Amino acid sequence: MVIISWGALILVIYSVNPESTNWIGISLFYGSLFLAILGSSSLLGFIIRFIALKQRLVFRLVGDAFRQSFFFSFFIVAILFFLSKDLFTWLNLAFLISALSILEFFLISVRK
């Protein structure tokens, strides 16, 4: 699935002209980028957790890795979107980090 996501991203990069496309082409780019980063970082996060934390159950490791990869992928795509629209400021970055941190702490506290 990760290879397919990266293949889709490469296909979108080579076939979509960002200067002349509409919202569909931009959405395809950001969506395929999100899925490619999500798959790669969740796989990497699971492998690191599996090697470092051998005492936990595997399905919990997968859940934690996927949740944090989702936030990481959203963070990267949101930053790139802000940069493309000239909205990237330190204040927006602080709000984004704060919102994702609060959501992560909320999800951790609900699960326990």
PDB file of N, CA and C in Angstrom:
ATOM      1  N   MET A   1       0.817  -1.189   0.000  1.00  0.00           N
ATOM      2  CA  MET A   1       0.000   0.000   0.000  1.00  0.00           C
ATOM      3  C   MET A   1       0.866   1.260   0.000  1.00  0.00           C
ATOM      4  N   VAL A   2       1.975   1.221   0.714  1.00  0.00           N
ATOM      5  CA  VAL A   2       2.860   2.374   0.767  1.00  0.00           C
ATOM      6  C   VAL A   2       3.470   2.630  -0.604  1.00  0.00           C
ATOM      7  N   ILE A   3       3.846   1.576  -1.285  1.00  0.00           N
ATOM      8  CA  ILE A   3       4.434   1.720  -2.621  1.00  0.00           C
ATOM      9  C   ILE A   3       3.410   2.286  -3.590  1.00  0.00           C
ATOM     10  N   ILE A   4       2.167   1.867  -3.468  1.00  0.00           N
ATOM     11  CA  ILE A   4       1.102   2.398  -4.320  1.00  0.00           C
ATOM     12  C   ILE A   4       0.882   3.885  -4.036  1.00  0.00           C
ATOM     13  N   SER A   5       0.934   4.267  -2.774  1.00  0.00           N
ATOM     14  CA  SER A   5       0.763   5.681  -2.415  1.00  0.00           C
ATOM     15  C   SER A   5       1.889   6.539  -2.981  1.00  0.00           C
ATOM     16  N   TRP A   6       3.117   6.063  -2.861  1.00  0.00           N
ATOM     17  CA  TRP A   6       4.231   6.821  -3.426  1.00  0.00           C
ATOM     18  C   TRP A   6       4.157   6.853  -4.945  1.00  0.00           C
ATOM     19  N   GLY A   7       3.699   5.756  -5.553  1.00  0.00           N
ATOM     20  CA  GLY A   7       3.513   5.741  -7.009  1.00  0.00           C
ATOM     21  C   GLY A   7       2.449   6.728  -7.452  1.00  0.00           C
ATOM     22  N   ALA A   8       1.361   6.815  -6.685  1.00  0.00           N
ATOM     23  CA  ALA A   8       0.309   7.780  -7.004  1.00  0.00           C
ATOM     24  C   ALA A   8       0.823   9.207  -6.867  1.00  0.00           C
ATOM     25  N   LEU A   9       1.636   9.461  -5.856  1.00  0.00           N
ATOM     26  CA  LEU A   9       2.203  10.799  -5.676  1.00  0.00           C
ATOM     27  C   LEU A   9       3.114  11.158  -6.845  1.00  0.00           C
ATOM     28  N   ILE A  10       3.950  10.240  -7.252  1.00  0.00           N
ATOM     29  CA  ILE A  10       4.841  10.495  -8.385  1.00  0.00           C
ATOM     30  C   ILE A  10       4.035  10.720  -9.658  1.00  0.00           C
ATOM     31  N   LEU A  11       2.971   9.945  -9.847  1.00  0.00           N
ATOM     32  CA  LEU A  11       2.108  10.126 -11.010  1.00  0.00           C
ATOM     33  C   LEU A  11       1.446  11.504 -11.005  1.00  0.00           C
ATOM     34  N   VAL A  12       0.969  11.925  -9.855  1.00  0.00           N
ATOM     35  CA  VAL A  12       0.339  13.246  -9.754  1.00  0.00           C
ATOM     36  C   VAL A  12       1.363  14.345  -9.991  1.00  0.00           C
ATOM     37  N   ILE A  13       2.560  14.202  -9.463  1.00  0.00           N
ATOM     38  CA  ILE A  13       3.592  15.226  -9.649  1.00  0.00           C
ATOM     39  C   ILE A  13       3.942  15.387 -11.126  1.00  0.00           C
ATOM     40  N   TYR A  14       4.039  14.273 -11.843  1.00  0.00           N
ATOM     41  CA  TYR A  14       4.417  14.358 -13.251  1.00  0.00           C
ATOM     42  C   TYR A  14       3.260  14.719 -14.174  1.00  0.00           C
ATOM     43  N   SER A  15       2.022  14.499 -13.767  1.00  0.00           N
ATOM     44  CA  SER A  15       0.910  14.726 -14.689  1.00  0.00           C
ATOM     45  C   SER A  15       0.097  15.978 -14.399  1.00  0.00           C
ATOM     46  N   VAL A  16       0.226  16.568 -13.218  1.00  0.00           N
ATOM     47  CA  VAL A  16      -0.574  17.738 -12.868  1.00  0.00           C
ATOM     48  C   VAL A  16       0.313  18.979 -12.877  1.00  0.00           C
ATOM     49  N   ASN A  17      -0.104  19.978 -13.637  1.00  0.00           N
ATOM     50  CA  ASN A  17       0.598  21.255 -13.654  1.00  0.00           C
ATOM     51  C   ASN A  17      -0.010  22.147 -12.576  1.00  0.00           C
ATOM     52  N   PRO A  18       0.737  22.506 -11.541  1.00  0.00           N
ATOM     53  CA  PRO A  18       0.158  23.260 -10.436  1.00  0.00           C
ATOM     54  C   PRO A  18      -0.262  24.679 -10.806  1.00  0.00           C
ATOM     55  N   GLU A  19       0.273  25.214 -11.876  1.00  0.00           N
ATOM     56  CA  GLU A  19      -0.083  26.572 -12.272  1.00  0.00           C
ATOM     57  C   GLU A  19      -1.393  26.644 -13.048  1.00  0.00           C
ATOM     58  N   SER A  20      -1.794  25.543 -13.679  1.00  0.00           N
ATOM     59  CA  SER A  20      -2.996  25.599 -14.509  1.00  0.00           C
ATOM     60  C   SER A  20      -4.086  24.626 -14.059  1.00  0.00           C
ATOM     61  N   THR A  21      -3.918  23.966 -12.948  1.00  0.00           N
ATOM     62  CA  THR A  21      -4.913  22.991 -12.506  1.00  0.00           C
ATOM     63  C   THR A  21      -5.977  23.652 -11.638  1.00  0.00           C
ATOM     64  N   ASN A  22      -7.070  22.944 -11.463  1.00  0.00           N
ATOM     65  CA  ASN A  22      -8.138  23.425 -10.582  1.00  0.00           C
ATOM     66  C   ASN A  22      -7.986  22.763  -9.217  1.00  0.00           C
ATOM     67  N   TRP A  23      -9.022  22.837  -8.414  1.00  0.00           N
ATOM     68  CA  TRP A  23      -8.951  22.318  -7.048  1.00  0.00           C
ATOM     69  C   TRP A  23      -8.837  20.795  -7.024  1.00  0.00           C
ATOM     70  N   ILE A  24      -9.254  20.122  -8.072  1.00  0.00           N
ATOM     71  CA  ILE A  24      -9.164  18.655  -8.097  1.00  0.00           C
ATOM     72  C   ILE A  24      -7.699  18.212  -8.163  1.00  0.00           C
ATOM     73  N   GLY A  25      -6.903  18.853  -9.010  1.00  0.00           N
ATOM     74  CA  GLY A  25      -5.484  18.507  -9.110  1.00  0.00           C
ATOM     75  C   GLY A  25      -4.732  18.798  -7.827  1.00  0.00           C
ATOM     76  N   ILE A  26      -5.053  19.923  -7.209  1.00  0.00           N
ATOM     77  CA  ILE A  26      -4.410  20.267  -5.942  1.00  0.00           C
ATOM     78  C   ILE A  26      -4.813  19.273  -4.858  1.00  0.00           C
ATOM     79  N   SER A  27      -6.085  18.900  -4.835  1.00  0.00           N
ATOM     80  CA  SER A  27      -6.562  17.914  -3.850  1.00  0.00           C
ATOM     81  C   SER A  27      -5.909  16.555  -4.065  1.00  0.00           C
ATOM     82  N   LEU A  28      -5.733  16.165  -5.325  1.00  0.00           N
ATOM     83  CA  LEU A  28      -5.046  14.900  -5.606  1.00  0.00           C
ATOM     84  C   LEU A  28      -3.612  14.931  -5.104  1.00  0.00           C
ATOM     85  N   PHE A  29      -2.947  16.061  -5.295  1.00  0.00           N
ATOM     86  CA  PHE A  29      -1.568  16.169  -4.823  1.00  0.00           C
ATOM     87  C   PHE A  29      -1.498  16.049  -3.304  1.00  0.00           C
ATOM     88  N   TYR A  30      -2.289  16.875  -2.607  1.00  0.00           N
ATOM     89  CA  TYR A  30      -2.229  16.852  -1.151  1.00  0.00           C
ATOM     90  C   TYR A  30      -2.731  15.522  -0.581  1.00  0.00           C
ATOM     91  N   GLY A  31      -3.730  14.927  -1.207  1.00  0.00           N
ATOM     92  CA  GLY A  31      -4.230  13.631  -0.737  1.00  0.00           C
ATOM     93  C   GLY A  31      -3.215  12.515  -0.916  1.00  0.00           C
ATOM     94  N   SER A  32      -2.588  12.461  -2.085  1.00  0.00           N
ATOM     95  CA  SER A  32      -1.580  11.415  -2.313  1.00  0.00           C
ATOM     96  C   SER A  32      -0.336  11.645  -1.461  1.00  0.00           C
ATOM     97  N   LEU A  33       0.026  12.909  -1.247  1.00  0.00           N
ATOM     98  CA  LEU A  33       1.155  13.199  -0.360  1.00  0.00           C
ATOM     99  C   LEU A  33       0.829  12.770   1.071  1.00  0.00           C
ATOM    100  N   PHE A  34      -0.379  13.069   1.515  1.00  0.00           N
ATOM    101  CA  PHE A  34      -0.797  12.674   2.857  1.00  0.00           C
ATOM    102  C   PHE A  34      -0.747  11.157   3.027  1.00  0.00           C
ATOM    103  N   LEU A  35      -1.289  10.417   2.061  1.00  0.00           N
ATOM    104  CA  LEU A  35      -1.291   8.952   2.161  1.00  0.00           C
ATOM    105  C   LEU A  35       0.116   8.370   2.089  1.00  0.00           C
ATOM    106  N   ALA A  36       0.979   8.958   1.277  1.00  0.00           N
ATOM    107  CA  ALA A  36       2.354   8.452   1.171  1.00  0.00           C
ATOM    108  C   ALA A  36       3.117   8.681   2.475  1.00  0.00           C
ATOM    109  N   ILE A  37       2.978   9.867   3.047  1.00  0.00           N
ATOM    110  CA  ILE A  37       3.666  10.141   4.314  1.00  0.00           C
ATOM    111  C   ILE A  37       3.064   9.308   5.428  1.00  0.00           C
ATOM    112  N   LEU A  38       1.741   9.170   5.432  1.00  0.00           N
ATOM    113  CA  LEU A  38       1.062   8.371   6.454  1.00  0.00           C
ATOM    114  C   LEU A  38       1.540   6.926   6.437  1.00  0.00           C
ATOM    115  N   GLY A  39       1.574   6.323   5.268  1.00  0.00           N
ATOM    116  CA  GLY A  39       2.007   4.934   5.169  1.00  0.00           C
ATOM    117  C   GLY A  39       3.454   4.738   5.554  1.00  0.00           C
ATOM    118  N   SER A  40       4.315   5.607   5.065  1.00  0.00           N
ATOM    119  CA  SER A  40       5.745   5.469   5.367  1.00  0.00           C
ATOM    120  C   SER A  40       6.053   5.705   6.838  1.00  0.00           C
ATOM    121  N   SER A  41       5.466   6.760   7.409  1.00  0.00           N
ATOM    122  CA  SER A  41       5.775   7.059   8.805  1.00  0.00           C
ATOM    123  C   SER A  41       5.125   6.058   9.759  1.00  0.00           C
ATOM    124  N   SER A  42       3.963   5.531   9.414  1.00  0.00           N
ATOM    125  CA  SER A  42       3.368   4.521  10.297  1.00  0.00           C
ATOM    126  C   SER A  42       4.155   3.217  10.242  1.00  0.00           C
ATOM    127  N   LEU A  43       4.639   2.855   9.070  1.00  0.00           N
ATOM    128  CA  LEU A  43       5.471   1.659   8.967  1.00  0.00           C
ATOM    129  C   LEU A  43       6.784   1.834   9.723  1.00  0.00           C
ATOM    130  N   LEU A  44       7.414   2.980   9.551  1.00  0.00           N
ATOM    131  CA  LEU A  44       8.657   3.259  10.269  1.00  0.00           C
ATOM    132  C   LEU A  44       8.420   3.335  11.778  1.00  0.00           C
ATOM    133  N   GLY A  45       7.325   3.990  12.184  1.00  0.00           N
ATOM    134  CA  GLY A  45       6.997   4.084  13.602  1.00  0.00           C
ATOM    135  C   GLY A  45       6.717   2.724  14.224  1.00  0.00           C
ATOM    136  N   PHE A  46       6.025   1.857  13.488  1.00  0.00           N
ATOM    137  CA  PHE A  46       5.758   0.512  14.002  1.00  0.00           C
ATOM    138  C   PHE A  46       7.050  -0.281  14.163  1.00  0.00           C
ATOM    139  N   ILE A  47       7.922  -0.196  13.182  1.00  0.00           N
ATOM    140  CA  ILE A  47       9.187  -0.945  13.265  1.00  0.00           C
ATOM    141  C   ILE A  47      10.025  -0.458  14.441  1.00  0.00           C
ATOM    142  N   ILE A  48      10.100   0.842  14.623  1.00  0.00           N
ATOM    143  CA  ILE A  48      10.871   1.377  15.752  1.00  0.00           C
ATOM    144  C   ILE A  48      10.246   0.959  17.074  1.00  0.00           C
ATOM    145  N   ARG A  49       8.916   1.033  17.173  1.00  0.00           N
ATOM    146  CA  ARG A  49       8.239   0.627  18.412  1.00  0.00           C
ATOM    147  C   ARG A  49       8.393  -0.871  18.670  1.00  0.00           C
ATOM    148  N   PHE A  50       8.345  -1.674  17.625  1.00  0.00           N
ATOM    149  CA  PHE A  50       8.448  -3.121  17.788  1.00  0.00           C
ATOM    150  C   PHE A  50       9.835  -3.512  18.284  1.00  0.00           C
ATOM    151  N   ILE A  51      10.857  -2.837  17.782  1.00  0.00           N
ATOM    152  CA  ILE A  51      12.217  -3.138  18.221  1.00  0.00           C
ATOM    153  C   ILE A  51      12.468  -2.595  19.625  1.00  0.00           C
ATOM    154  N   ALA A  52      12.020  -1.375  19.896  1.00  0.00           N
ATOM    155  CA  ALA A  52      12.322  -0.737  21.183  1.00  0.00           C
ATOM    156  C   ALA A  52      11.409  -1.211  22.315  1.00  0.00           C
ATOM    157  N   LEU A  53      10.129  -1.416  22.025  1.00  0.00           N
ATOM    158  CA  LEU A  53       9.149  -1.755  23.072  1.00  0.00           C
ATOM    159  C   LEU A  53       8.588  -3.149  22.845  1.00  0.00           C
ATOM    160  N   LYS A  54       9.299  -4.151  23.230  1.00  0.00           N
ATOM    161  CA  LYS A  54       8.879  -5.525  22.969  1.00  0.00           C
ATOM    162  C   LYS A  54       7.847  -6.045  23.966  1.00  0.00           C
ATOM    163  N   GLN A  55       7.553  -5.296  25.019  1.00  0.00           N
ATOM    164  CA  GLN A  55       6.664  -5.799  26.049  1.00  0.00           C
ATOM    165  C   GLN A  55       5.190  -5.544  25.729  1.00  0.00           C
ATOM    166  N   ARG A  56       4.874  -4.685  24.778  1.00  0.00           N
ATOM    167  CA  ARG A  56       3.489  -4.361  24.480  1.00  0.00           C
ATOM    168  C   ARG A  56       2.943  -5.249  23.382  1.00  0.00           C
ATOM    169  N   LEU A  57       1.628  -5.309  23.311  1.00  0.00           N
ATOM    170  CA  LEU A  57       0.978  -6.091  22.268  1.00  0.00           C
ATOM    171  C   LEU A  57       1.140  -5.407  20.916  1.00  0.00           C
ATOM    172  N   VAL A  58       1.189  -6.210  19.862  1.00  0.00           N
ATOM    173  CA  VAL A  58       1.477  -5.690  18.535  1.00  0.00           C
ATOM    174  C   VAL A  58       0.357  -4.778  18.040  1.00  0.00           C
ATOM    175  N   PHE A  59      -0.912  -5.131  18.294  1.00  0.00           N
ATOM    176  CA  PHE A  59      -1.996  -4.305  17.766  1.00  0.00           C
ATOM    177  C   PHE A  59      -2.035  -2.933  18.432  1.00  0.00           C
ATOM    178  N   ARG A  60      -1.566  -2.819  19.666  1.00  0.00           N
ATOM    179  CA  ARG A  60      -1.478  -1.491  20.288  1.00  0.00           C
ATOM    180  C   ARG A  60      -0.340  -0.678  19.689  1.00  0.00           C
ATOM    181  N   LEU A  61       0.750  -1.356  19.350  1.00  0.00           N
ATOM    182  CA  LEU A  61       1.854  -0.662  18.699  1.00  0.00           C
ATOM    183  C   LEU A  61       1.412  -0.110  17.349  1.00  0.00           C
ATOM    184  N   VAL A  62       0.644  -0.897  16.618  1.00  0.00           N
ATOM    185  CA  VAL A  62       0.152  -0.454  15.315  1.00  0.00           C
ATOM    186  C   VAL A  62      -0.784   0.734  15.483  1.00  0.00           C
ATOM    187  N   GLY A  63      -1.664   0.680  16.457  1.00  0.00           N
ATOM    188  CA  GLY A  63      -2.593   1.782  16.696  1.00  0.00           C
ATOM    189  C   GLY A  63      -1.890   3.069  17.074  1.00  0.00           C
ATOM    190  N   ASP A  64      -0.916   2.973  17.964  1.00  0.00           N
ATOM    191  CA  ASP A  64      -0.155   4.157  18.360  1.00  0.00           C
ATOM    192  C   ASP A  64       0.639   4.729  17.190  1.00  0.00           C
ATOM    193  N   ALA A  65       1.277   3.858  16.441  1.00  0.00           N
ATOM    194  CA  ALA A  65       2.072   4.310  15.303  1.00  0.00           C
ATOM    195  C   ALA A  65       1.185   4.969  14.254  1.00  0.00           C
ATOM    196  N   PHE A  66       0.013   4.391  13.992  1.00  0.00           N
ATOM    197  CA  PHE A  66      -0.876   4.959  12.990  1.00  0.00           C
ATOM    198  C   PHE A  66      -1.434   6.304  13.442  1.00  0.00           C
ATOM    199  N   ARG A  67      -1.805   6.416  14.716  1.00  0.00           N
ATOM    200  CA  ARG A  67      -2.361   7.672  15.230  1.00  0.00           C
ATOM    201  C   ARG A  67      -1.327   8.792  15.139  1.00  0.00           C
ATOM    202  N   GLN A  68      -0.126   8.530  15.576  1.00  0.00           N
ATOM    203  CA  GLN A  68       0.901   9.558  15.533  1.00  0.00           C
ATOM    204  C   GLN A  68       1.349   9.860  14.105  1.00  0.00           C
ATOM    205  N   SER A  69       1.324   8.866  13.239  1.00  0.00           N
ATOM    206  CA  SER A  69       1.640   9.101  11.831  1.00  0.00           C
ATOM    207  C   SER A  69       0.574   9.944  11.160  1.00  0.00           C
ATOM    208  N   PHE A  70      -0.673   9.748  11.558  1.00  0.00           N
ATOM    209  CA  PHE A  70      -1.754  10.566  11.025  1.00  0.00           C
ATOM    210  C   PHE A  70      -1.541  12.029  11.384  1.00  0.00           C
ATOM    211  N   PHE A  71      -1.208  12.294  12.639  1.00  0.00           N
ATOM    212  CA  PHE A  71      -0.963  13.672  13.069  1.00  0.00           C
ATOM    213  C   PHE A  71       0.265  14.254  12.368  1.00  0.00           C
ATOM    214  N   PHE A  72       1.317  13.464  12.244  1.00  0.00           N
ATOM    215  CA  PHE A  72       2.530  13.930  11.582  1.00  0.00           C
ATOM    216  C   PHE A  72       2.252  14.247  10.109  1.00  0.00           C
ATOM    217  N   SER A  73       1.524  13.379   9.421  1.00  0.00           N
ATOM    218  CA  SER A  73       1.199  13.604   8.015  1.00  0.00           C
ATOM    219  C   SER A  73       0.320  14.834   7.844  1.00  0.00           C
ATOM    220  N   PHE A  74      -0.661  14.983   8.727  1.00  0.00           N
ATOM    221  CA  PHE A  74      -1.511  16.160   8.671  1.00  0.00           C
ATOM    222  C   PHE A  74      -0.697  17.425   8.905  1.00  0.00           C
ATOM    223  N   PHE A  75       0.246  17.370   9.829  1.00  0.00           N
ATOM    224  CA  PHE A  75       1.107  18.515  10.132  1.00  0.00           C
ATOM    225  C   PHE A  75       1.923  18.925   8.908  1.00  0.00           C
ATOM    226  N   ILE A  76       2.544  17.974   8.251  1.00  0.00           N
ATOM    227  CA  ILE A  76       3.372  18.271   7.076  1.00  0.00           C
ATOM    228  C   ILE A  76       2.521  18.830   5.943  1.00  0.00           C
ATOM    229  N   VAL A  77       1.379  18.200   5.669  1.00  0.00           N
ATOM    230  CA  VAL A  77       0.516  18.667   4.586  1.00  0.00           C
ATOM    231  C   VAL A  77      -0.067  20.041   4.907  1.00  0.00           C
ATOM    232  N   ALA A  78      -0.428  20.281   6.157  1.00  0.00           N
ATOM    233  CA  ALA A  78      -0.958  21.590   6.542  1.00  0.00           C
ATOM    234  C   ALA A  78       0.100  22.674   6.380  1.00  0.00           C
ATOM    235  N   ILE A  79       1.331  22.390   6.757  1.00  0.00           N
ATOM    236  CA  ILE A  79       2.408  23.368   6.579  1.00  0.00           C
ATOM    237  C   ILE A  79       2.618  23.671   5.097  1.00  0.00           C
ATOM    238  N   LEU A  80       2.627  22.645   4.261  1.00  0.00           N
ATOM    239  CA  LEU A  80       2.801  22.874   2.826  1.00  0.00           C
ATOM    240  C   LEU A  80       1.625  23.650   2.237  1.00  0.00           C
ATOM    241  N   PHE A  81       0.418  23.372   2.715  1.00  0.00           N
ATOM    242  CA  PHE A  81      -0.746  24.125   2.249  1.00  0.00           C
ATOM    243  C   PHE A  81      -0.648  25.586   2.681  1.00  0.00           C
ATOM    244  N   PHE A  82      -0.258  25.824   3.920  1.00  0.00           N
ATOM    245  CA  PHE A  82      -0.083  27.202   4.390  1.00  0.00           C
ATOM    246  C   PHE A  82       0.978  27.930   3.566  1.00  0.00           C
ATOM    247  N   LEU A  83       2.064  27.242   3.256  1.00  0.00           N
ATOM    248  CA  LEU A  83       3.111  27.857   2.447  1.00  0.00           C
ATOM    249  C   LEU A  83       2.611  28.194   1.044  1.00  0.00           C
ATOM    250  N   SER A  84       1.793  27.318   0.462  1.00  0.00           N
ATOM    251  CA  SER A  84       1.302  27.573  -0.893  1.00  0.00           C
ATOM    252  C   SER A  84       0.322  28.740  -0.948  1.00  0.00           C
ATOM    253  N   LYS A  85      -0.377  29.000   0.127  1.00  0.00           N
ATOM    254  CA  LYS A  85      -1.349  30.098   0.182  1.00  0.00           C
ATOM    255  C   LYS A  85      -0.804  31.340   0.878  1.00  0.00           C
ATOM    256  N   ASP A  86       0.481  31.367   1.160  1.00  0.00           N
ATOM    257  CA  ASP A  86       1.144  32.466   1.880  1.00  0.00           C
ATOM    258  C   ASP A  86       0.490  32.747   3.231  1.00  0.00           C
ATOM    259  N   LEU A  87       0.118  31.707   3.938  1.00  0.00           N
ATOM    260  CA  LEU A  87      -0.478  31.821   5.262  1.00  0.00           C
ATOM    261  C   LEU A  87       0.442  31.312   6.365  1.00  0.00           C
ATOM    262  N   PHE A  88       1.647  30.923   6.001  1.00  0.00           N
ATOM    263  CA  PHE A  88       2.551  30.346   6.992  1.00  0.00           C
ATOM    264  C   PHE A  88       3.170  31.453   7.833  1.00  0.00           C
ATOM    265  N   THR A  89       2.759  31.514   9.079  1.00  0.00           N
ATOM    266  CA  THR A  89       3.342  32.440  10.045  1.00  0.00           C
ATOM    267  C   THR A  89       3.653  31.652  11.310  1.00  0.00           C
ATOM    268  N   TRP A  90       4.417  32.253  12.188  1.00  0.00           N
ATOM    269  CA  TRP A  90       4.743  31.587  13.441  1.00  0.00           C
ATOM    270  C   TRP A  90       3.491  31.392  14.291  1.00  0.00           C
ATOM    271  N   LEU A  91       2.559  32.313  14.188  1.00  0.00           N
ATOM    272  CA  LEU A  91       1.323  32.188  14.952  1.00  0.00           C
ATOM    273  C   LEU A  91       0.484  31.005  14.450  1.00  0.00           C
ATOM    274  N   ASN A  92       0.359  30.859  13.126  1.00  0.00           N
ATOM    275  CA  ASN A  92      -0.368  29.709  12.583  1.00  0.00           C
ATOM    276  C   ASN A  92       0.326  28.396  12.927  1.00  0.00           C
ATOM    277  N   LEU A  93       1.645  28.410  12.899  1.00  0.00           N
ATOM    278  CA  LEU A  93       2.390  27.211  13.272  1.00  0.00           C
ATOM    279  C   LEU A  93       2.161  26.866  14.741  1.00  0.00           C
ATOM    280  N   ALA A  94       2.156  27.868  15.593  1.00  0.00           N
ATOM    281  CA  ALA A  94       1.903  27.632  17.025  1.00  0.00           C
ATOM    282  C   ALA A  94       0.497  27.102  17.250  1.00  0.00           C
ATOM    283  N   PHE A  95      -0.487  27.657  16.535  1.00  0.00           N
ATOM    284  CA  PHE A  95      -1.865  27.152  16.656  1.00  0.00           C
ATOM    285  C   PHE A  95      -1.973  25.714  16.179  1.00  0.00           C
ATOM    286  N   LEU A  96      -1.318  25.392  15.077  1.00  0.00           N
ATOM    287  CA  LEU A  96      -1.366  24.032  14.546  1.00  0.00           C
ATOM    288  C   LEU A  96      -0.721  23.040  15.503  1.00  0.00           C
ATOM    289  N   ILE A  97       0.437  23.381  16.030  1.00  0.00           N
ATOM    290  CA  ILE A  97       1.117  22.501  16.986  1.00  0.00           C
ATOM    291  C   ILE A  97       0.279  22.354  18.253  1.00  0.00           C
ATOM    292  N   SER A  98      -0.294  23.445  18.731  1.00  0.00           N
ATOM    293  CA  SER A  98      -1.127  23.386  19.938  1.00  0.00           C
ATOM    294  C   SER A  98      -2.357  22.518  19.723  1.00  0.00           C
ATOM    295  N   ALA A  99      -3.017  22.695  18.591  1.00  0.00           N
ATOM    296  CA  ALA A  99      -4.228  21.913  18.316  1.00  0.00           C
ATOM    297  C   ALA A  99      -3.916  20.421  18.210  1.00  0.00           C
ATOM    298  N   LEU A 100      -2.848  20.079  17.507  1.00  0.00           N
ATOM    299  CA  LEU A 100      -2.491  18.666  17.376  1.00  0.00           C
ATOM    300  C   LEU A 100      -2.025  18.077  18.704  1.00  0.00           C
ATOM    301  N   SER A 101      -1.327  18.863  19.520  1.00  0.00           N
ATOM    302  CA  SER A 101      -0.891  18.378  20.829  1.00  0.00           C
ATOM    303  C   SER A 101      -2.071  18.145  21.758  1.00  0.00           C
ATOM    304  N   ILE A 102      -3.011  19.076  21.765  1.00  0.00           N
ATOM    305  CA  ILE A 102      -4.207  18.908  22.599  1.00  0.00           C
ATOM    306  C   ILE A 102      -4.998  17.692  22.158  1.00  0.00           C
ATOM    307  N   LEU A 103      -5.136  17.505  20.842  1.00  0.00           N
ATOM    308  CA  LEU A 103      -5.860  16.333  20.338  1.00  0.00           C
ATOM    309  C   LEU A 103      -5.145  15.036  20.706  1.00  0.00           C
ATOM    310  N   GLU A 104      -3.833  15.018  20.621  1.00  0.00           N
ATOM    311  CA  GLU A 104      -3.056  13.823  20.997  1.00  0.00           C
ATOM    312  C   GLU A 104      -3.211  13.522  22.487  1.00  0.00           C
ATOM    313  N   PHE A 105      -3.088  14.542  23.332  1.00  0.00           N
ATOM    314  CA  PHE A 105      -3.247  14.322  24.770  1.00  0.00           C
ATOM    315  C   PHE A 105      -4.667  13.876  25.113  1.00  0.00           C
ATOM    316  N   PHE A 106      -5.654  14.407  24.410  1.00  0.00           N
ATOM    317  CA  PHE A 106      -7.033  13.988  24.630  1.00  0.00           C
ATOM    318  C   PHE A 106      -7.215  12.517  24.258  1.00  0.00           C
ATOM    319  N   LEU A 107      -6.691  12.118  23.116  1.00  0.00           N
ATOM    320  CA  LEU A 107      -6.825  10.716  22.692  1.00  0.00           C
ATOM    321  C   LEU A 107      -6.074   9.774  23.608  1.00  0.00           C
ATOM    322  N   ILE A 108      -4.937  10.197  24.137  1.00  0.00           N
ATOM    323  CA  ILE A 108      -4.194   9.361  25.076  1.00  0.00           C
ATOM    324  C   ILE A 108      -4.982   9.219  26.381  1.00  0.00           C
ATOM    325  N   SER A 109      -5.565  10.317  26.877  1.00  0.00           N
ATOM    326  CA  SER A 109      -6.292  10.256  28.139  1.00  0.00           C
ATOM    327  C   SER A 109      -7.604   9.489  28.035  1.00  0.00           C
ATOM    328  N   VAL A 110      -8.249   9.522  26.883  1.00  0.00           N
ATOM    329  CA  VAL A 110      -9.492   8.777  26.699  1.00  0.00           C
ATOM    330  C   VAL A 110      -9.232   7.280  26.674  1.00  0.00           C
ATOM    331  N   ARG A 111      -8.115   6.867  26.072  1.00  0.00           N
ATOM    332  CA  ARG A 111      -7.822   5.440  25.942  1.00  0.00           C
ATOM    333  C   ARG A 111      -7.475   4.796  27.284  1.00  0.00           C
ATOM    334  N   LYS A 112      -6.890   5.531  28.211  1.00  0.00           N
ATOM    335  CA  LYS A 112      -6.458   4.948  29.475  1.00  0.00           C
ATOM    336  C   LYS A 112      -7.537   4.956  30.480  1.00  0.00           C
TER     337      LYS A 112
END
